[in-house]
C-alpha atoms as a PDB file:
ATOM      1  CA  MET A   1     -51.188 -11.166   3.987  1.00  0.00           C
ATOM      2  CA  LEU A   2     -49.525 -10.440   0.645  1.00  0.00           C
ATOM      3  CA  PRO A   3     -47.096 -13.383   0.901  1.00  0.00           C
ATOM      4  CA  GLU A   4     -49.994 -15.818   1.385  1.00  0.00           C
ATOM      5  CA  THR A   5     -51.908 -14.325  -1.543  1.00  0.00           C
ATOM      6  CA  LEU A   6     -48.877 -14.550  -3.823  1.00  0.00           C
ATOM      7  CA  ALA A   7     -48.116 -18.103  -2.688  1.00  0.00           C
ATOM      8  CA  CYS A   8     -51.681 -19.095  -3.650  1.00  0.00           C
ATOM      9  CA  LEU A   9     -51.341 -17.451  -7.054  1.00  0.00           C
ATOM     10  CA  ASN A  10     -47.964 -19.057  -7.739  1.00  0.00           C
ATOM     11  CA  ASP A  11     -49.402 -22.444  -6.781  1.00  0.00           C
ATOM     12  CA  ILE A  12     -52.227 -21.930  -9.263  1.00  0.00           C
ATOM     13  CA  VAL A  13     -49.907 -20.790 -12.051  1.00  0.00           C
ATOM     14  CA  GLU A  14     -47.636 -23.793 -11.529  1.00  0.00           C
ATOM     15  CA  SER A  15     -50.528 -26.272 -11.409  1.00  0.00           C
ATOM     16  CA  VAL A  16     -52.555 -25.217 -14.440  1.00  0.00           C
ATOM     17  CA  ARG A  17     -51.514 -26.818 -17.716  1.00  0.00           C
ATOM     18  CA  ASN A  18     -51.208 -24.667 -20.796  1.00  0.00           C
ATOM     19  CA  TYR A  19     -51.540 -21.568 -18.654  1.00  0.00           C
ATOM     20  CA  THR A  20     -49.571 -18.536 -19.535  1.00  0.00           C
ATOM     21  CA  GLY A  21     -50.082 -15.514 -17.442  1.00  0.00           C
ATOM     22  CA  GLU A  22     -48.508 -12.960 -15.243  1.00  0.00           C
ATOM     23  CA  ILE A  23     -48.861 -11.616 -11.760  1.00  0.00           C
ATOM     24  CA  ILE A  24     -48.659  -7.840 -11.559  1.00  0.00           C
ATOM     25  CA  ILE A  25     -48.481  -6.071  -8.224  1.00  0.00           C
ATOM     26  CA  VAL A  26     -49.280  -2.376  -8.165  1.00  0.00           C
ATOM     27  CA  ASP A  27     -47.576  -0.747  -5.194  1.00  0.00           C
ATOM     28  CA  ASN A  28     -49.916   2.110  -4.422  1.00  0.00           C
ATOM     29  CA  ASN A  29     -47.831   4.053  -1.886  1.00  0.00           C
ATOM     30  CA  SER A  30     -47.616   1.115   0.497  1.00  0.00           C
ATOM     31  CA  THR A  31     -45.864   1.648   3.796  1.00  0.00           C
ATOM     32  CA  ASP A  32     -44.691  -1.956   4.071  1.00  0.00           C
ATOM     33  CA  ASN A  33     -42.286  -3.875   1.861  1.00  0.00           C
ATOM     34  CA  THR A  34     -44.816  -4.757  -0.854  1.00  0.00           C
ATOM     35  CA  ALA A  35     -42.378  -4.448  -3.769  1.00  0.00           C
ATOM     36  CA  GLU A  36     -39.740  -6.630  -2.121  1.00  0.00           C
ATOM     37  CA  VAL A  37     -42.278  -9.314  -1.187  1.00  0.00           C
ATOM     38  CA  ALA A  38     -43.772  -9.301  -4.679  1.00  0.00           C
ATOM     39  CA  LYS A  39     -40.364  -9.698  -6.316  1.00  0.00           C
ATOM     40  CA  ARG A  40     -39.645 -12.753  -4.149  1.00  0.00           C
ATOM     41  CA  TYR A  41     -42.701 -14.351  -5.769  1.00  0.00           C
ATOM     42  CA  ASN A  42     -41.629 -13.416  -9.315  1.00  0.00           C
ATOM     43  CA  ALA A  43     -44.372 -10.842  -9.707  1.00  0.00           C
ATOM     44  CA  ARG A  44     -43.965  -7.785 -11.887  1.00  0.00           C
ATOM     45  CA  VAL A  45     -44.053  -4.670  -9.744  1.00  0.00           C
ATOM     46  CA  LEU A  46     -45.365  -1.285 -10.763  1.00  0.00           C
ATOM     47  CA  PHE A  47     -45.408   1.775  -8.539  1.00  0.00           C
ATOM     48  CA  GLU A  48     -48.455   4.015  -8.778  1.00  0.00           C
ATOM     49  CA  GLU A  49     -48.161   7.178  -6.713  1.00  0.00           C
ATOM     50  CA  HIS A  50     -51.769   8.357  -7.116  1.00  0.00           C
ATOM     51  CA  GLN A  51     -53.509   6.596  -4.239  1.00  0.00           C
ATOM     52  CA  GLN A  52     -56.808   5.463  -5.707  1.00  0.00           C
ATOM     53  CA  ILE A  53     -57.823   1.862  -6.372  1.00  0.00           C
ATOM     54  CA  ALA A  54     -59.165   2.583  -9.872  1.00  0.00           C
ATOM     55  CA  LYS A  55     -55.940   4.340 -10.846  1.00  0.00           C
ATOM     56  CA  ALA A  56     -53.855   1.481  -9.444  1.00  0.00           C
ATOM     57  CA  ARG A  57     -55.865  -1.144 -11.313  1.00  0.00           C
ATOM     58  CA  ASN A  58     -55.766   0.849 -14.539  1.00  0.00           C
ATOM     59  CA  SER A  59     -51.990   1.180 -14.232  1.00  0.00           C
ATOM     60  CA  GLY A  60     -51.711  -2.583 -13.793  1.00  0.00           C
ATOM     61  CA  THR A  61     -54.003  -3.102 -16.761  1.00  0.00           C
ATOM     62  CA  ASN A  62     -51.774  -0.940 -18.936  1.00  0.00           C
ATOM     63  CA  LEU A  63     -48.778  -3.100 -18.003  1.00  0.00           C
ATOM     64  CA  SER A  64     -50.539  -6.406 -18.607  1.00  0.00           C
ATOM     65  CA  SER A  65     -50.288  -8.503 -21.725  1.00  0.00           C
ATOM     66  CA  GLY A  66     -52.780 -11.231 -20.861  1.00  0.00           C
ATOM     67  CA  ARG A  67     -56.041 -12.195 -22.465  1.00  0.00           C
ATOM     68  CA  TYR A  68     -58.025 -11.688 -19.265  1.00  0.00           C
ATOM     69  CA  LEU A  69     -57.647  -9.559 -16.171  1.00  0.00           C
ATOM     70  CA  ILE A  70     -58.515 -10.918 -12.763  1.00  0.00           C
ATOM     71  CA  PHE A  71     -58.110  -8.385  -9.975  1.00  0.00           C
ATOM     72  CA  ILE A  72     -57.182  -9.865  -6.615  1.00  0.00           C
ATOM     73  CA  ASP A  73     -56.479  -7.723  -3.572  1.00  0.00           C
ATOM     74  CA  ALA A  74     -53.514  -8.357  -1.282  1.00  0.00           C
ATOM     75  CA  ASP A  75     -55.769  -9.772   1.433  1.00  0.00           C
ATOM     76  CA  THR A  76     -57.552 -12.255  -0.838  1.00  0.00           C
ATOM     77  CA  LEU A  77     -56.768 -15.955  -1.043  1.00  0.00           C
ATOM     78  CA  ILE A  78     -57.946 -17.691  -4.210  1.00  0.00           C
ATOM     79  CA  THR A  79     -58.090 -21.444  -4.715  1.00  0.00           C
ATOM     80  CA  ARG A  80     -57.349 -23.410  -7.873  1.00  0.00           C
ATOM     81  CA  THR A  81     -61.027 -24.289  -8.169  1.00  0.00           C
ATOM     82  CA  LEU A  82     -62.184 -20.680  -7.968  1.00  0.00           C
ATOM     83  CA  PHE A  83     -59.497 -19.586 -10.420  1.00  0.00           C
ATOM     84  CA  ASN A  84     -60.423 -22.329 -12.909  1.00  0.00           C
ATOM     85  CA  GLN A  85     -64.142 -21.568 -12.618  1.00  0.00           C
ATOM     86  CA  THR A  86     -63.453 -17.879 -13.161  1.00  0.00           C
ATOM     87  CA  VAL A  87     -61.374 -18.563 -16.285  1.00  0.00           C
ATOM     88  CA  GLN A  88     -64.046 -20.942 -17.607  1.00  0.00           C
ATOM     89  CA  THR A  89     -66.662 -18.230 -17.111  1.00  0.00           C
ATOM     90  CA  LEU A  90     -64.476 -15.704 -18.921  1.00  0.00           C
ATOM     91  CA  GLU A  91     -63.885 -18.207 -21.743  1.00  0.00           C
ATOM     92  CA  SER A  92     -67.638 -18.586 -22.219  1.00  0.00           C
ATOM     93  CA  PHE A  93     -67.857 -14.862 -23.009  1.00  0.00           C
ATOM     94  CA  PHE A  94     -64.854 -14.706 -25.325  1.00  0.00           C
ATOM     95  CA  ASP A  95     -66.915 -14.232 -28.490  1.00  0.00           C
ATOM     96  CA  VAL A  96     -68.873 -11.331 -27.029  1.00  0.00           C
ATOM     97  CA  THR A  97     -67.460  -8.083 -28.364  1.00  0.00           C
ATOM     98  CA  GLY A  98     -69.536  -5.710 -26.283  1.00  0.00           C
ATOM     99  CA  PHE A  99     -72.240  -5.402 -23.709  1.00  0.00           C
ATOM    100  CA  ASN A 100     -75.259  -3.244 -23.342  1.00  0.00           C
ATOM    101  CA  GLU A 101     -75.912  -2.096 -19.783  1.00  0.00           C
ATOM    102  CA  GLU A 102     -78.754  -4.541 -19.148  1.00  0.00           C
ATOM    103  CA  TYR A 103     -76.800  -7.590 -20.318  1.00  0.00           C
ATOM    104  CA  TYR A 104     -73.613  -6.619 -18.525  1.00  0.00           C
ATOM    105  CA  PHE A 105     -75.460  -5.904 -15.280  1.00  0.00           C
ATOM    106  CA  ALA A 106     -77.314  -9.234 -15.431  1.00  0.00           C
ATOM    107  CA  GLU A 107     -74.131 -11.208 -16.087  1.00  0.00           C
ATOM    108  CA  GLU A 108     -72.254  -9.370 -13.347  1.00  0.00           C
ATOM    109  CA  ILE A 109     -74.987 -10.339 -10.882  1.00  0.00           C
ATOM    110  CA  TYR A 110     -74.938 -13.939 -12.160  1.00  0.00           C
ATOM    111  CA  LEU A 111     -71.177 -14.207 -11.664  1.00  0.00           C
ATOM    112  CA  SER A 112     -71.413 -12.620  -8.225  1.00  0.00           C
ATOM    113  CA  ILE A 113     -74.155 -15.069  -7.168  1.00  0.00           C
ATOM    114  CA  ALA A 114     -72.175 -18.032  -8.539  1.00  0.00           C
ATOM    115  CA  LEU A 115     -69.039 -16.963  -6.687  1.00  0.00           C
ATOM    116  CA  ASN A 116     -71.000 -16.467  -3.458  1.00  0.00           C
ATOM    117  CA  ARG A 117     -72.550 -19.932  -3.766  1.00  0.00           C
ATOM    118  CA  TRP A 118     -69.119 -21.418  -4.399  1.00  0.00           C
ATOM    119  CA  GLY A 119     -67.754 -19.633  -1.327  1.00  0.00           C
ATOM    120  CA  GLU A 120     -70.495 -21.112   0.874  1.00  0.00           C
ATOM    121  CA  LYS A 121     -69.384 -24.704   0.140  1.00  0.00           C
END
């Protein structure tokens, strides 16, 4: 499903004005042709040998240069609307320099509920 996911992301990147960003694929010991597929979609590819999702995401984070990080798995399709709503939500928190556990937890639940409601439409 990686080609479909990358096609969706490329469509979003090409359609959003004033958007600068990058697509980073972390190949975490895949047994398919993940790196080759990712390169066909102009994604940056990083190999992470330690097979653990947190390690893979942290490795991708270290390579990134963007303002925000949005983690999307290879089997996830994201629409322009969901992407734009996610960025708008992130923009609304830009001036926040830290979270206490209660605030962070509450906002994480709020975002999760909002995304679930959006997905039900």
